[in-house]
Protein backbone atom coordinates (compact mmCIF):
# COMPACT_ATOMS: atom_id res chain seq x y z
CA UNK A 1 100.30 91.73 134.64
CA UNK A 2 102.24 89.70 132.50
CA UNK A 3 105.67 88.69 133.56
CA UNK A 4 107.60 90.46 130.57
CA UNK A 5 106.06 93.77 132.06
CA UNK A 6 107.01 92.73 135.52
CA UNK A 7 110.79 92.34 134.33
CA UNK A 8 111.15 95.42 132.43
CA UNK A 9 109.51 97.36 134.77
CA UNK A 10 111.71 96.62 137.59
CA UNK A 11 114.84 97.07 135.16
CA UNK A 12 113.48 100.27 134.59
CA UNK A 13 113.42 101.33 138.03
CA UNK A 14 116.52 100.30 138.46
CA UNK A 15 117.59 102.03 135.57
CA UNK A 16 116.34 105.21 136.22
CA UNK A 17 117.92 106.66 139.09
CA UNK A 18 121.56 106.02 138.04
CA UNK A 19 120.28 107.86 134.45
CA UNK A 20 118.47 110.98 136.49
CA UNK A 21 121.73 110.80 138.34
CA UNK A 22 124.08 111.54 136.28
CA UNK A 23 121.87 114.90 134.60
CA UNK A 24 123.39 117.88 136.80
CA UNK A 25 119.96 119.54 135.47
CA UNK A 26 117.99 116.37 136.39
CA UNK A 27 114.95 115.16 134.27
CA UNK A 28 111.39 115.96 133.79
CA UNK A 29 109.24 112.82 133.13
CA UNK A 30 108.95 113.98 129.53
CA UNK A 31 112.52 113.17 129.36
CA UNK A 32 112.66 110.27 131.62
CA UNK A 33 109.68 109.03 129.34
CA UNK A 34 111.26 109.11 125.86
CA UNK A 35 114.47 107.79 127.63
CA UNK A 36 112.78 104.52 128.51
CA UNK A 37 110.30 103.98 125.87
CA UNK A 38 106.99 104.42 128.40
CA UNK A 39 104.34 107.48 129.06
CA UNK A 40 104.96 110.31 131.04
CA UNK A 41 102.12 108.95 133.85
CA UNK A 42 104.24 105.35 133.87
CA UNK A 43 107.10 107.40 134.54
CA UNK A 44 105.30 109.37 137.22
CA UNK A 45 104.26 106.25 139.28
CA UNK A 46 107.73 105.05 139.01
CA UNK A 47 109.16 108.08 140.40
CA UNK A 48 106.75 108.33 143.70
CA UNK A 49 107.45 104.70 144.07
CA UNK A 50 110.77 105.55 144.17
CA UNK A 51 110.57 108.33 146.06
CA UNK A 52 108.04 106.70 148.87
CA UNK A 53 110.40 103.42 149.25
CA UNK A 54 113.86 103.54 150.10
CA UNK A 55 115.39 100.09 149.68
CA UNK A 56 118.52 99.27 151.60
CA UNK A 57 120.73 99.95 148.28
CA UNK A 58 119.44 103.25 148.46
CA UNK A 59 120.63 104.69 151.78
CA UNK A 60 121.75 107.47 152.08
CA UNK A 61 120.17 108.38 148.18
CA UNK A 62 117.87 111.58 147.90
CA UNK A 63 115.57 111.65 145.11
CA UNK A 64 113.79 114.89 144.99
CA UNK A 65 111.15 116.99 142.80
CA UNK A 66 111.99 120.18 141.91
CA UNK A 67 109.82 122.83 139.29
CA UNK A 68 109.02 120.06 137.14
CA UNK A 69 112.23 118.51 137.18
CA UNK A 70 113.94 115.03 139.18
CA UNK A 71 117.29 115.42 140.73
CA UNK A 72 118.81 112.81 142.68
CA UNK A 73 121.91 113.06 144.81
CA UNK A 74 123.99 111.23 146.90
CA UNK A 75 124.74 108.05 144.02
CA UNK A 76 128.34 108.04 144.48
CA UNK A 77 128.81 105.02 146.25
CA UNK A 78 126.05 102.65 143.71
CA UNK A 79 127.64 101.17 140.49
CA UNK A 80 125.92 101.10 137.20
CA UNK A 81 123.10 99.09 136.38
CA UNK A 82 123.42 95.71 135.23
């Protein structure tokens, strides 16, 4: 993978969590893909990764899927991504 792809992917991962959290009705993978200009398949891989890995910065953050939509709860202690 090219360095540019790694950097863009990391930035997207950091941005997608607060973006979903700002939507009380959650977001579908298609909506997320459109927002971040990536494929739905890429979004689904990113979401699986985010659910499996809980870095210290995401402690007490619940990310889950329900009826095809993704939700984030408990994000109030995190700031906006840089």
